[in-house]
N, C-alpha and C. Protein backbone atom coordinates (compact mmCIF):
# COMPACT_ATOMS: atom_id res chain seq x y z
N MET A 1 13.49 14.53 13.20
CA MET A 1 13.71 12.95 12.80
C MET A 1 12.78 12.18 13.85
N LEU A 2 11.81 11.11 13.63
CA LEU A 2 11.52 10.36 14.85
C LEU A 2 12.42 9.50 15.74
N ASP A 3 12.17 9.36 16.73
CA ASP A 3 12.82 8.39 17.34
C ASP A 3 13.34 7.25 17.09
N LYS A 4 14.10 6.53 17.44
CA LYS A 4 14.97 5.23 16.59
C LYS A 4 13.89 4.03 16.89
N GLN A 5 12.76 4.14 17.45
CA GLN A 5 12.22 3.23 18.28
C GLN A 5 10.91 3.18 17.02
N SER A 6 10.75 3.92 16.19
CA SER A 6 10.15 4.33 15.13
C SER A 6 10.44 3.46 13.56
N VAL A 7 9.28 3.00 12.89
CA VAL A 7 9.69 2.54 11.60
C VAL A 7 8.27 2.94 10.66
N LEU A 8 8.74 3.73 9.27
CA LEU A 8 7.94 3.73 8.32
C LEU A 8 7.93 2.63 7.27
N ILE A 9 6.94 2.23 7.29
CA ILE A 9 6.58 1.06 6.39
C ILE A 9 6.02 1.50 5.23
N VAL A 10 6.72 1.15 3.79
CA VAL A 10 5.94 2.13 2.60
C VAL A 10 5.80 0.86 1.98
N VAL A 11 4.12 0.74 1.70
CA VAL A 11 3.87 -0.59 1.31
C VAL A 11 3.45 -0.49 -0.35
N ASP A 12 4.10 -1.57 -0.86
CA ASP A 12 3.84 -1.47 -2.52
C ASP A 12 3.75 -0.46 -3.48
N VAL A 13 4.71 0.37 -3.41
CA VAL A 13 4.97 1.63 -4.12
C VAL A 13 5.29 1.07 -5.20
N GLN A 14 4.46 0.28 -6.15
CA GLN A 14 5.09 -0.60 -7.58
C GLN A 14 4.16 0.21 -8.77
N ASN A 15 5.19 0.06 -9.62
CA ASN A 15 4.48 0.15 -11.16
C ASN A 15 3.06 -0.64 -11.12
N GLY A 16 3.15 -1.81 -10.69
CA GLY A 16 1.46 -2.24 -11.04
C GLY A 16 0.34 -2.19 -10.18
N PHE A 17 0.55 -1.27 -9.21
CA PHE A 17 -0.62 -0.80 -8.63
C PHE A 17 -0.78 1.03 -8.79
N THR A 18 0.35 1.46 -9.71
CA THR A 18 0.12 3.06 -10.37
C THR A 18 -0.29 3.11 -11.67
N PRO A 19 -1.05 4.51 -11.89
CA PRO A 19 -1.45 4.28 -13.38
C PRO A 19 -0.55 3.68 -14.46
N GLY A 20 -1.07 2.78 -15.21
CA GLY A 20 -0.47 2.14 -16.07
C GLY A 20 -0.16 0.96 -15.78
N GLY A 21 -0.12 0.61 -14.88
CA GLY A 21 -0.15 -0.48 -14.05
C GLY A 21 -1.19 -1.87 -14.30
N GLN A 22 -0.64 -3.11 -13.60
CA GLN A 22 -1.86 -4.24 -14.07
C GLN A 22 -2.83 -4.20 -13.13
N LEU A 23 -2.71 -3.79 -11.93
CA LEU A 23 -3.83 -3.30 -11.14
C LEU A 23 -3.64 -2.17 -10.50
N ALA A 24 -3.78 -1.05 -11.54
CA ALA A 24 -3.84 0.01 -11.04
C ALA A 24 -4.65 1.19 -10.29
N VAL A 25 -3.91 1.72 -9.26
CA VAL A 25 -5.29 2.33 -8.47
C VAL A 25 -4.85 3.86 -8.67
N ALA A 26 -6.22 4.20 -8.82
CA ALA A 26 -6.14 5.51 -9.76
C ALA A 26 -5.54 6.74 -8.73
N HIS A 27 -4.83 7.31 -9.33
CA HIS A 27 -4.28 8.75 -8.72
C HIS A 27 -3.13 8.29 -7.65
N ALA A 28 -2.79 6.96 -7.62
CA ALA A 28 -1.92 6.43 -6.25
C ALA A 28 -0.65 6.90 -6.80
N ASP A 29 -0.04 7.44 -7.58
CA ASP A 29 1.06 7.78 -8.35
C ASP A 29 1.63 9.15 -7.34
N GLN A 30 0.18 9.79 -7.22
CA GLN A 30 -0.18 11.67 -6.59
C GLN A 30 0.74 11.42 -5.14
N ILE A 31 0.58 10.21 -4.53
CA ILE A 31 1.06 10.25 -2.81
C ILE A 31 2.43 10.04 -3.01
N ILE A 32 3.29 9.85 -3.97
CA ILE A 32 4.64 9.30 -3.65
C ILE A 32 5.61 10.45 -3.47
N PRO A 33 5.67 11.73 -4.03
CA PRO A 33 6.16 12.57 -3.16
C PRO A 33 6.47 12.86 -1.92
N LEU A 34 5.19 12.88 -1.45
CA LEU A 34 4.75 12.57 0.33
C LEU A 34 5.57 11.61 1.23
N ILE A 35 5.58 10.37 0.22
CA ILE A 35 6.03 9.53 1.12
C ILE A 35 7.56 9.67 0.56
N ASN A 36 8.23 10.02 0.02
CA ASN A 36 9.47 10.22 -0.21
C ASN A 36 10.04 11.42 0.90
N GLN A 37 8.91 12.48 1.15
CA GLN A 37 9.08 13.55 2.06
C GLN A 37 9.37 12.89 3.45
N LEU A 38 8.17 12.25 3.68
CA LEU A 38 7.83 11.34 4.92
C LEU A 38 8.83 10.59 5.40
N ALA A 39 9.61 9.73 4.55
CA ALA A 39 10.85 8.86 4.62
C ALA A 39 11.97 9.62 5.38
N GLY A 40 12.51 10.80 4.95
CA GLY A 40 13.27 11.65 5.44
C GLY A 40 13.42 11.99 6.98
N GLN A 41 12.00 11.64 7.50
CA GLN A 41 11.93 12.22 9.04
C GLN A 41 12.03 10.76 9.82
N PHE A 42 12.50 9.58 9.26
CA PHE A 42 12.47 8.38 9.90
C PHE A 42 14.00 8.13 9.66
N HIS A 43 14.56 7.33 11.04
CA HIS A 43 15.25 6.80 10.97
C HIS A 43 15.70 5.25 10.53
N ASN A 44 13.88 4.68 10.43
CA ASN A 44 13.80 3.58 9.86
C ASN A 44 12.94 3.29 8.78
N VAL A 45 13.26 2.36 8.11
CA VAL A 45 12.33 2.64 6.90
C VAL A 45 12.58 1.33 6.48
N VAL A 46 10.89 0.40 5.99
CA VAL A 46 11.35 -0.71 5.35
C VAL A 46 10.26 -0.42 4.06
N LEU A 47 10.70 -0.97 3.08
CA LEU A 47 9.95 -1.44 1.50
C LEU A 47 8.97 -2.82 1.77
N THR A 48 7.95 -2.89 1.35
CA THR A 48 7.33 -4.10 1.01
C THR A 48 7.32 -3.83 -0.65
N GLN A 49 6.97 -5.30 -0.89
CA GLN A 49 6.82 -5.70 -2.71
C GLN A 49 6.28 -6.60 -2.94
N ASP A 50 5.18 -6.29 -3.80
CA ASP A 50 4.23 -7.62 -4.06
C ASP A 50 4.92 -8.55 -5.03
N TRP A 51 4.98 -9.89 -4.70
CA TRP A 51 6.02 -10.60 -6.02
C TRP A 51 5.47 -12.04 -6.17
N HIS A 52 4.63 -11.74 -7.16
CA HIS A 52 3.97 -13.14 -6.97
C HIS A 52 4.31 -14.10 -8.40
N THR A 53 4.46 -15.40 -8.31
CA THR A 53 4.99 -16.19 -9.18
C THR A 53 3.46 -16.24 -10.41
N THR A 54 3.74 -16.74 -11.11
CA THR A 54 3.18 -16.60 -12.51
C THR A 54 2.01 -17.24 -12.76
N ASP A 55 1.98 -18.47 -11.69
CA ASP A 55 0.86 -18.88 -11.52
C ASP A 55 -0.04 -18.92 -9.94
N HIS A 56 0.15 -17.62 -9.75
CA HIS A 56 -0.26 -17.28 -8.36
C HIS A 56 -1.67 -17.61 -7.77
N ILE A 57 -2.37 -18.16 -7.08
CA ILE A 57 -3.46 -18.97 -6.62
C ILE A 57 -4.59 -17.23 -6.92
N SER A 58 -4.28 -16.25 -6.50
CA SER A 58 -4.87 -14.80 -6.23
C SER A 58 -5.29 -14.25 -7.93
N PHE A 59 -4.79 -15.20 -8.84
CA PHE A 59 -5.16 -14.31 -10.49
C PHE A 59 -6.31 -15.05 -10.84
N ALA A 60 -7.31 -14.15 -11.31
CA ALA A 60 -8.51 -14.83 -11.69
C ALA A 60 -8.21 -15.36 -13.00
N ASP A 61 -6.97 -15.42 -13.66
CA ASP A 61 -6.99 -16.63 -14.65
C ASP A 61 -6.63 -17.46 -14.66
N GLN A 62 -6.30 -18.02 -13.45
CA GLN A 62 -5.92 -19.53 -12.73
C GLN A 62 -7.02 -19.98 -12.31
N HIS A 63 -8.23 -19.59 -12.38
CA HIS A 63 -9.70 -20.19 -11.91
C HIS A 63 -10.52 -20.27 -12.88
N LEU A 64 -11.15 -21.23 -13.40
CA LEU A 64 -11.71 -21.55 -14.60
C LEU A 64 -13.09 -20.51 -14.22
N HIS A 65 -13.56 -20.10 -15.39
CA HIS A 65 -14.66 -19.09 -15.41
C HIS A 65 -14.98 -18.03 -14.40
N LYS A 66 -13.69 -17.75 -13.85
CA LYS A 66 -13.71 -16.49 -12.98
C LYS A 66 -13.37 -15.39 -13.55
N GLN A 67 -13.74 -14.21 -13.04
CA GLN A 67 -13.04 -12.80 -13.52
C GLN A 67 -12.68 -12.02 -12.39
N PRO A 68 -11.69 -11.12 -12.78
CA PRO A 68 -11.16 -10.41 -11.67
C PRO A 68 -12.28 -9.60 -10.89
N PHE A 69 -11.89 -9.59 -9.41
CA PHE A 69 -12.87 -9.05 -8.55
C PHE A 69 -13.74 -10.19 -7.79
N ASP A 70 -13.72 -11.49 -8.57
CA ASP A 70 -14.72 -12.36 -8.00
C ASP A 70 -14.68 -12.92 -6.81
N VAL A 71 -14.93 -13.05 -6.22
CA VAL A 71 -14.31 -13.92 -4.57
C VAL A 71 -14.67 -15.20 -4.50
N ILE A 72 -13.25 -16.19 -4.08
CA ILE A 72 -13.70 -17.33 -3.79
C ILE A 72 -13.09 -17.51 -2.65
N THR A 73 -13.55 -18.83 -1.96
CA THR A 73 -13.39 -19.38 -0.67
C THR A 73 -12.12 -20.18 -0.55
N LEU A 74 -11.03 -20.11 -0.41
CA LEU A 74 -9.60 -20.90 -0.18
C LEU A 74 -9.70 -21.47 1.21
N ASP A 75 -8.40 -22.16 1.08
CA ASP A 75 -8.38 -23.03 2.85
C ASP A 75 -8.32 -22.21 4.12
N TYR A 76 -7.80 -20.90 3.40
CA TYR A 76 -7.79 -19.70 4.77
C TYR A 76 -8.38 -18.49 4.51
N GLY A 77 -9.72 -18.95 3.76
CA GLY A 77 -10.58 -18.08 4.05
C GLY A 77 -11.23 -17.21 2.35
N PRO A 78 -11.68 -16.28 2.62
CA PRO A 78 -12.23 -15.83 1.52
C PRO A 78 -10.97 -14.96 0.43
N GLN A 79 -10.87 -14.90 -0.64
CA GLN A 79 -10.32 -14.64 -1.24
C GLN A 79 -10.32 -13.93 -2.86
N VAL A 80 -10.03 -12.58 -2.61
CA VAL A 80 -10.65 -11.79 -3.84
C VAL A 80 -9.71 -12.18 -4.90
N LEU A 81 -10.21 -12.20 -6.59
CA LEU A 81 -9.26 -12.81 -7.58
C LEU A 81 -8.99 -11.30 -8.00
N TRP A 82 -7.33 -11.49 -8.42
CA TRP A 82 -7.00 -10.14 -9.23
C TRP A 82 -6.73 -10.29 -10.35
N PRO A 83 -6.24 -9.27 -11.06
CA PRO A 83 -5.77 -9.43 -12.35
C PRO A 83 -4.92 -9.91 -12.51
N ARG A 84 -3.81 -10.23 -13.13
CA ARG A 84 -2.68 -10.86 -13.28
C ARG A 84 -1.49 -9.66 -12.75
N HIS A 85 -0.95 -9.54 -12.13
CA HIS A 85 0.33 -8.46 -11.63
C HIS A 85 1.21 -8.48 -10.94
N CYS A 86 2.10 -7.94 -10.85
CA CYS A 86 3.41 -7.87 -10.10
C CYS A 86 4.06 -9.46 -10.19
N VAL A 87 4.28 -9.86 -11.02
CA VAL A 87 4.77 -11.17 -11.43
C VAL A 87 6.39 -11.06 -11.06
N GLN A 88 7.14 -11.68 -10.69
CA GLN A 88 8.42 -11.78 -10.27
C GLN A 88 9.11 -11.25 -11.45
N GLY A 89 10.37 -10.20 -11.30
CA GLY A 89 10.95 -10.11 -12.15
C GLY A 89 10.41 -9.26 -13.27
N THR A 90 9.22 -8.96 -13.29
CA THR A 90 8.63 -8.19 -14.40
C THR A 90 8.84 -6.37 -14.36
N HIS A 91 8.23 -5.98 -15.47
CA HIS A 91 8.43 -4.24 -15.08
C HIS A 91 7.12 -3.90 -14.06
N ASP A 92 6.18 -4.63 -13.94
CA ASP A 92 5.01 -4.29 -13.45
C ASP A 92 5.41 -4.66 -11.79
N ALA A 93 6.37 -5.37 -11.64
CA ALA A 93 6.61 -5.58 -10.14
C ALA A 93 7.65 -4.86 -9.54
N GLU A 94 8.58 -3.65 -10.31
CA GLU A 94 9.61 -3.10 -10.02
C GLU A 94 8.61 -1.73 -8.85
N PHE A 95 9.46 -1.42 -8.44
CA PHE A 95 9.06 -0.07 -7.80
C PHE A 95 9.04 1.24 -8.64
N HIS A 96 8.06 1.73 -8.18
CA HIS A 96 8.07 3.36 -9.32
C HIS A 96 9.23 4.08 -9.22
N PRO A 97 9.36 4.39 -10.33
CA PRO A 97 10.53 5.26 -10.59
C PRO A 97 10.98 6.69 -9.82
N LEU A 98 9.46 6.83 -9.38
CA LEU A 98 9.40 8.19 -8.52
C LEU A 98 9.55 8.17 -7.30
N LEU A 99 9.68 6.75 -6.95
CA LEU A 99 9.73 6.48 -5.34
C LEU A 99 11.65 6.69 -5.09
N ASN A 100 11.72 7.65 -4.27
CA ASN A 100 13.15 7.66 -3.89
C ASN A 100 13.93 7.93 -2.63
N ILE A 101 13.64 6.56 -1.72
CA ILE A 101 13.92 6.49 -0.76
C ILE A 101 15.35 5.67 -0.43
N PRO A 102 16.75 6.07 -0.63
CA PRO A 102 17.91 5.58 -0.38
C PRO A 102 18.34 4.87 0.70
N THR A 103 17.56 5.92 1.98
CA THR A 103 17.70 5.37 3.35
C THR A 103 16.99 4.00 3.59
N ALA A 104 16.51 3.45 2.83
CA ALA A 104 15.58 2.29 3.25
C ALA A 104 16.54 1.11 3.54
N GLN A 105 16.16 0.42 4.88
CA GLN A 105 17.15 -0.26 5.34
C GLN A 105 16.68 -2.01 5.03
N LEU A 106 15.36 -2.42 4.56
CA LEU A 106 14.79 -3.77 4.12
C LEU A 106 14.15 -3.69 3.26
N ILE A 107 13.69 -4.52 2.09
CA ILE A 107 12.69 -5.06 1.10
C ILE A 107 12.09 -5.90 1.99
N VAL A 108 11.09 -6.04 1.95
CA VAL A 108 9.88 -7.38 2.57
C VAL A 108 9.19 -7.85 1.04
N ARG A 109 9.82 -9.01 0.43
CA ARG A 109 8.78 -9.37 -0.76
C ARG A 109 7.53 -10.41 -0.20
N LYS A 110 6.59 -10.23 -1.06
CA LYS A 110 5.47 -10.61 -0.01
C LYS A 110 4.36 -11.21 -1.37
N GLY A 111 3.91 -12.47 -1.23
CA GLY A 111 2.87 -13.06 -2.30
C GLY A 111 3.67 -14.03 -3.04
N PHE A 112 4.66 -14.45 -2.79
CA PHE A 112 5.83 -15.17 -3.68
C PHE A 112 5.32 -16.90 -3.32
N HIS A 113 4.57 -17.18 -2.27
CA HIS A 113 4.05 -18.65 -2.16
C HIS A 113 2.94 -19.08 -3.02
N ALA A 114 2.81 -19.65 -4.17
CA ALA A 114 1.71 -19.76 -4.98
C ALA A 114 0.67 -19.82 -4.41
N HIS A 115 0.10 -20.66 -3.20
CA HIS A 115 -0.74 -20.99 -2.83
C HIS A 115 -1.65 -20.13 -1.59
N ILE A 116 -0.43 -18.80 -1.40
CA ILE A 116 -1.15 -18.25 -0.20
C ILE A 116 -1.32 -16.44 -0.85
N ASP A 117 -2.31 -15.91 -0.63
CA ASP A 117 -1.79 -14.59 -0.65
C ASP A 117 -1.55 -13.83 0.43
N SER A 118 -1.05 -12.79 -0.11
CA SER A 118 0.00 -12.25 1.04
C SER A 118 -0.43 -10.53 1.04
N TYR A 119 -1.28 -9.77 1.68
CA TYR A 119 -1.62 -8.58 1.77
C TYR A 119 -0.37 -7.90 3.02
N SER A 120 -0.67 -8.26 4.00
CA SER A 120 0.18 -8.17 5.42
C SER A 120 1.83 -7.91 4.84
N ALA A 121 2.58 -7.20 5.61
CA ALA A 121 3.88 -7.03 5.72
C ALA A 121 4.53 -7.81 6.50
N PHE A 122 3.52 -8.76 7.33
CA PHE A 122 3.91 -9.42 8.48
C PHE A 122 3.22 -10.98 8.57
N LEU A 123 2.44 -11.11 7.99
CA LEU A 123 1.85 -12.08 7.90
C LEU A 123 0.83 -12.61 6.67
N GLU A 124 1.38 -13.94 6.13
CA GLU A 124 0.42 -13.87 4.99
C GLU A 124 -0.89 -14.14 4.88
N ALA A 125 -1.93 -14.53 4.18
CA ALA A 125 -3.23 -14.27 4.31
C ALA A 125 -3.88 -15.77 5.39
N ASP A 126 -2.68 -16.55 5.14
CA ASP A 126 -3.26 -17.86 6.17
C ASP A 126 -3.33 -17.58 7.76
N HIS A 127 -2.89 -15.87 8.31
CA HIS A 127 -2.72 -15.89 9.27
C HIS A 127 -1.74 -16.42 10.08
N ILE A 128 -0.92 -17.31 9.65
CA ILE A 128 0.24 -18.07 10.15
C ILE A 128 1.37 -18.08 9.44
N THR A 129 1.53 -17.86 8.12
CA THR A 129 2.75 -17.49 7.52
C THR A 129 3.42 -16.34 7.71
N SER A 130 4.50 -16.32 8.58
CA SER A 130 5.52 -14.78 8.80
C SER A 130 6.34 -14.42 7.57
N THR A 131 6.19 -13.25 7.63
CA THR A 131 7.22 -12.58 6.44
C THR A 131 8.75 -12.75 7.43
N GLY A 132 8.54 -12.41 8.74
CA GLY A 132 10.07 -12.27 9.17
C GLY A 132 10.59 -10.84 10.28
N LEU A 133 8.97 -9.85 9.47
CA LEU A 133 9.15 -8.55 9.97
C LEU A 133 9.38 -8.13 11.17
N ALA A 134 8.05 -9.06 12.00
CA ALA A 134 7.85 -8.75 13.36
C ALA A 134 9.26 -8.64 13.96
N GLY A 135 10.07 -9.92 13.90
CA GLY A 135 11.10 -10.14 14.61
C GLY A 135 12.29 -9.39 14.32
N TYR A 136 12.33 -8.95 13.21
CA TYR A 136 13.36 -7.96 12.52
C TYR A 136 12.82 -6.87 13.45
N LEU A 137 11.97 -6.09 13.51
CA LEU A 137 11.38 -4.92 14.29
C LEU A 137 12.00 -5.20 15.35
N LYS A 138 11.42 -6.19 16.08
CA LYS A 138 11.33 -6.50 17.74
C LYS A 138 13.03 -6.52 18.19
N ALA A 139 13.69 -7.02 16.87
CA ALA A 139 15.23 -7.32 17.32
C ALA A 139 16.06 -6.15 17.67
N ARG A 140 15.37 -5.11 16.88
CA ARG A 140 16.07 -3.34 16.72
C ARG A 140 15.27 -2.45 17.97
N ASP A 141 14.45 -3.40 18.61
CA ASP A 141 13.94 -2.43 19.83
C ASP A 141 12.96 -1.71 19.07
N ILE A 142 12.32 -1.52 17.82
CA ILE A 142 11.48 -0.32 17.38
C ILE A 142 9.68 -1.10 17.95
N ASP A 143 9.20 -0.17 18.37
CA ASP A 143 7.82 -0.45 18.80
C ASP A 143 6.82 -0.03 18.66
N THR A 144 7.17 1.04 17.52
CA THR A 144 5.67 2.25 16.86
C THR A 144 5.77 2.13 15.22
N VAL A 145 5.04 2.06 14.70
CA VAL A 145 5.05 1.57 13.02
C VAL A 145 3.90 2.52 12.51
N TYR A 146 4.28 3.22 11.25
CA TYR A 146 3.69 4.21 10.56
C TYR A 146 3.62 3.51 9.46
N VAL A 147 2.50 3.35 8.85
CA VAL A 147 2.22 2.61 7.49
C VAL A 147 1.45 3.80 6.53
N VAL A 148 1.93 3.93 5.05
CA VAL A 148 1.67 4.63 4.34
C VAL A 148 1.83 3.50 2.93
N GLY A 149 1.17 3.97 1.84
CA GLY A 149 1.65 3.22 0.70
C GLY A 149 0.14 2.56 0.15
N ILE A 150 0.07 1.69 -0.68
CA ILE A 150 -1.05 1.15 -1.48
C ILE A 150 -1.19 -0.22 -1.55
N ALA A 151 -2.66 -0.40 -1.19
CA ALA A 151 -3.82 -0.32 -1.41
C ALA A 151 -4.06 0.31 0.27
N THR A 152 -4.89 1.52 0.38
CA THR A 152 -5.13 1.73 1.90
C THR A 152 -6.03 0.29 2.30
N ASP A 153 -7.02 0.17 1.46
CA ASP A 153 -8.30 -0.68 1.89
C ASP A 153 -7.80 -2.66 1.95
N PHE A 154 -6.52 -2.65 1.32
CA PHE A 154 -5.97 -4.13 1.24
C PHE A 154 -4.66 -4.37 2.05
N CYS A 155 -3.88 -4.40 1.47
CA CYS A 155 -2.53 -4.41 2.01
C CYS A 155 -1.93 -3.16 3.08
N VAL A 156 -2.08 -1.97 3.02
CA VAL A 156 -2.22 -0.92 3.94
C VAL A 156 -2.96 -1.61 5.16
N ALA A 157 -3.84 -1.28 5.23
CA ALA A 157 -4.84 -1.97 6.09
C ALA A 157 -4.43 -3.13 6.63
N TRP A 158 -4.03 -4.37 6.22
CA TRP A 158 -4.16 -5.84 6.69
C TRP A 158 -2.21 -5.70 7.34
N THR A 159 -1.65 -4.80 7.04
CA THR A 159 -0.36 -4.87 7.42
C THR A 159 -0.65 -3.93 9.00
N ALA A 160 -1.39 -2.62 9.05
CA ALA A 160 -1.84 -1.88 9.79
C ALA A 160 -2.17 -3.02 11.38
N ILE A 161 -3.34 -3.23 10.90
CA ILE A 161 -4.11 -4.45 11.86
C ILE A 161 -3.07 -5.42 12.38
N ASP A 162 -2.08 -5.96 11.99
CA ASP A 162 -1.46 -6.92 12.19
C ASP A 162 -0.31 -6.19 12.67
N ALA A 163 -0.24 -5.43 12.96
CA ALA A 163 0.89 -4.71 13.41
C ALA A 163 0.55 -4.32 14.86
N THR A 164 -0.67 -3.84 14.84
CA THR A 164 -1.38 -3.68 16.53
C THR A 164 -1.30 -5.28 17.49
N GLN A 165 -2.11 -6.11 16.43
CA GLN A 165 -2.19 -7.55 17.21
C GLN A 165 -0.87 -8.11 17.26
N LEU A 166 0.43 -7.75 16.74
CA LEU A 166 1.87 -8.06 17.04
C LEU A 166 2.27 -7.07 18.36
N GLY A 167 1.45 -5.98 18.75
CA GLY A 167 1.98 -5.43 19.72
C GLY A 167 2.60 -4.31 19.65
N PHE A 168 2.59 -3.84 18.42
CA PHE A 168 3.24 -2.28 17.78
C PHE A 168 2.16 -1.18 18.19
N LYS A 169 2.57 0.06 18.60
CA LYS A 169 1.59 1.05 18.22
C LYS A 169 1.69 1.48 16.88
N THR A 170 0.35 1.52 16.07
CA THR A 170 0.59 1.65 14.78
C THR A 170 -0.58 2.85 14.27
N TYR A 171 0.12 3.62 13.26
CA TYR A 171 -0.65 4.59 13.21
C TYR A 171 -0.52 4.65 11.15
N VAL A 172 -1.51 5.00 10.49
CA VAL A 172 -1.48 5.07 9.44
C VAL A 172 -2.04 6.51 8.68
N ILE A 173 -1.24 6.91 8.02
CA ILE A 173 -0.81 8.01 7.39
C ILE A 173 -1.57 8.51 6.05
N GLU A 174 -3.01 8.69 6.43
CA GLU A 174 -4.42 8.46 5.63
C GLU A 174 -3.74 9.26 4.18
N ASP A 175 -3.19 10.59 3.94
CA ASP A 175 -2.83 10.99 2.79
C ASP A 175 -2.10 10.68 2.18
N ALA A 176 -1.50 9.65 2.90
CA ALA A 176 -0.22 8.98 2.07
C ALA A 176 -0.31 7.56 1.68
N THR A 177 -1.66 7.43 1.67
CA THR A 177 -2.49 6.14 0.99
C THR A 177 -3.08 6.68 -0.25
N ALA A 178 -3.39 5.22 -1.00
CA ALA A 178 -4.36 5.20 -1.89
C ALA A 178 -5.17 4.11 -1.83
N ALA A 179 -6.47 4.47 -2.09
CA ALA A 179 -7.51 3.15 -2.16
C ALA A 179 -7.94 2.47 -3.42
N ILE A 180 -8.30 1.19 -3.11
CA ILE A 180 -8.80 0.62 -4.45
C ILE A 180 -10.53 1.28 -4.29
N ASN A 181 -10.99 0.78 -2.99
CA ASN A 181 -12.58 1.07 -2.43
C ASN A 181 -13.36 0.46 -3.59
N LEU A 182 -13.33 -1.30 -3.59
CA LEU A 182 -13.94 -2.34 -4.14
C LEU A 182 -15.05 -2.83 -3.37
N ASN A 183 -16.39 -2.26 -3.77
CA ASN A 183 -17.62 -2.06 -2.98
C ASN A 183 -17.46 -2.09 -1.89
N GLY A 184 -16.93 -1.06 -1.11
CA GLY A 184 -17.48 -0.64 -0.10
C GLY A 184 -16.16 -0.99 1.15
N SER A 185 -14.82 -1.52 0.21
CA SER A 185 -13.83 -1.88 1.08
C SER A 185 -13.16 -0.99 2.02
N LEU A 186 -13.29 0.38 1.21
CA LEU A 186 -12.72 1.58 1.98
C LEU A 186 -13.21 1.65 3.41
N ALA A 187 -14.50 1.83 3.51
CA ALA A 187 -14.88 2.27 4.78
C ALA A 187 -14.90 1.19 5.52
N GLN A 188 -15.27 -0.45 4.96
CA GLN A 188 -15.21 -1.62 5.69
C GLN A 188 -13.34 -1.44 6.56
N ALA A 189 -12.49 -1.45 6.04
CA ALA A 189 -11.16 -1.32 6.37
C ALA A 189 -10.85 -0.42 7.31
N TRP A 190 -11.20 0.78 7.04
CA TRP A 190 -10.87 2.09 8.03
C TRP A 190 -11.37 1.50 9.63
N GLN A 191 -13.07 1.05 9.44
CA GLN A 191 -13.53 0.66 10.79
C GLN A 191 -12.67 -0.68 11.09
N LYS A 192 -12.31 -1.58 10.23
CA LYS A 192 -11.40 -2.83 10.96
C LYS A 192 -10.31 -2.42 11.77
N MET A 193 -9.68 -1.08 11.03
CA MET A 193 -8.35 -0.74 11.71
C MET A 193 -8.56 0.60 13.43
N LYS A 194 -9.84 0.72 13.13
CA LYS A 194 -10.30 1.59 14.36
C LYS A 194 -10.25 0.31 15.43
N GLU A 195 -10.93 -0.70 14.79
CA GLU A 195 -11.57 -1.73 15.97
C GLU A 195 -10.16 -2.40 16.42
N SER A 196 -9.22 -2.45 15.46
CA SER A 196 -7.83 -3.07 15.98
C SER A 196 -6.99 -2.14 16.58
N GLY A 197 -7.64 -1.13 16.84
CA GLY A 197 -6.41 0.09 17.85
C GLY A 197 -5.64 1.14 16.53
N VAL A 198 -5.54 0.81 15.42
CA VAL A 198 -4.80 1.52 14.58
C VAL A 198 -5.42 2.86 14.67
N ILE A 199 -4.27 4.21 14.89
CA ILE A 199 -4.87 5.50 14.92
C ILE A 199 -4.71 5.94 13.52
N LYS A 200 -5.57 6.43 12.84
CA LYS A 200 -5.24 7.22 11.63
C LYS A 200 -4.89 8.66 11.63
N ILE A 201 -4.02 9.32 10.91
CA ILE A 201 -3.09 10.45 11.13
C ILE A 201 -3.21 11.04 9.67
N GLN A 202 -2.67 12.48 9.74
CA GLN A 202 -2.67 12.80 8.55
C GLN A 202 -0.76 13.20 8.15
N SER A 203 -0.30 13.45 7.21
CA SER A 203 1.23 13.66 7.51
C SER A 203 2.10 15.09 8.25
N ILE A 204 0.73 15.96 8.43
CA ILE A 204 1.22 16.78 8.92
C ILE A 204 1.22 16.80 10.41
N ASP A 205 0.71 15.61 11.28
CA ASP A 205 1.04 15.01 12.41
C ASP A 205 2.22 14.62 12.95
N VAL A 206 2.98 14.23 11.74
CA VAL A 206 3.78 13.38 11.71
C VAL A 206 5.03 14.49 12.48
N SER A 207 6.13 14.14 13.40
CA SER A 207 6.79 15.23 13.80
C SER A 207 7.54 14.51 15.24
């Protein structure tokens, strides 16, 4: 087991982001057994869950003449428009049935404010609105974060970058993530993570 100052953050392992989902990431279901295995090495585990309103601003169908994966500018910056996904209370928003982490102590729901998207487990896309996760971890004397889940180049990367900026030592376990890789977004995300001080490791390195 890792020490009690470490936490595993499992990002958005939901039906919507796995094959058959409304914003499916190719082969994302294949990382779930490894995530389950990794969770058994941590005293502390947090799950995140995308949890959108039906009229969420990130949905392409909320914008006239826009298509999924178009990029628009909102008051907080660029916003990728997505297919409708992970709507509150739907099957698409549920955790994937293969995810089996009964030891998780907290579920952080994000993206439930209709007018702000939220990739990171720590801060919404305006970089101001907090989910409360940083305070929760710091109150428990947790100083090291390991991030896994979906998608590497969006919610995983934003979570990891915010974690470093909030003062946590941060690792992303690459083989326990799955990427969308939209127009080179994966390479860009890894570069931004590296510049922020995020450390890329493999599951074999966790001990």
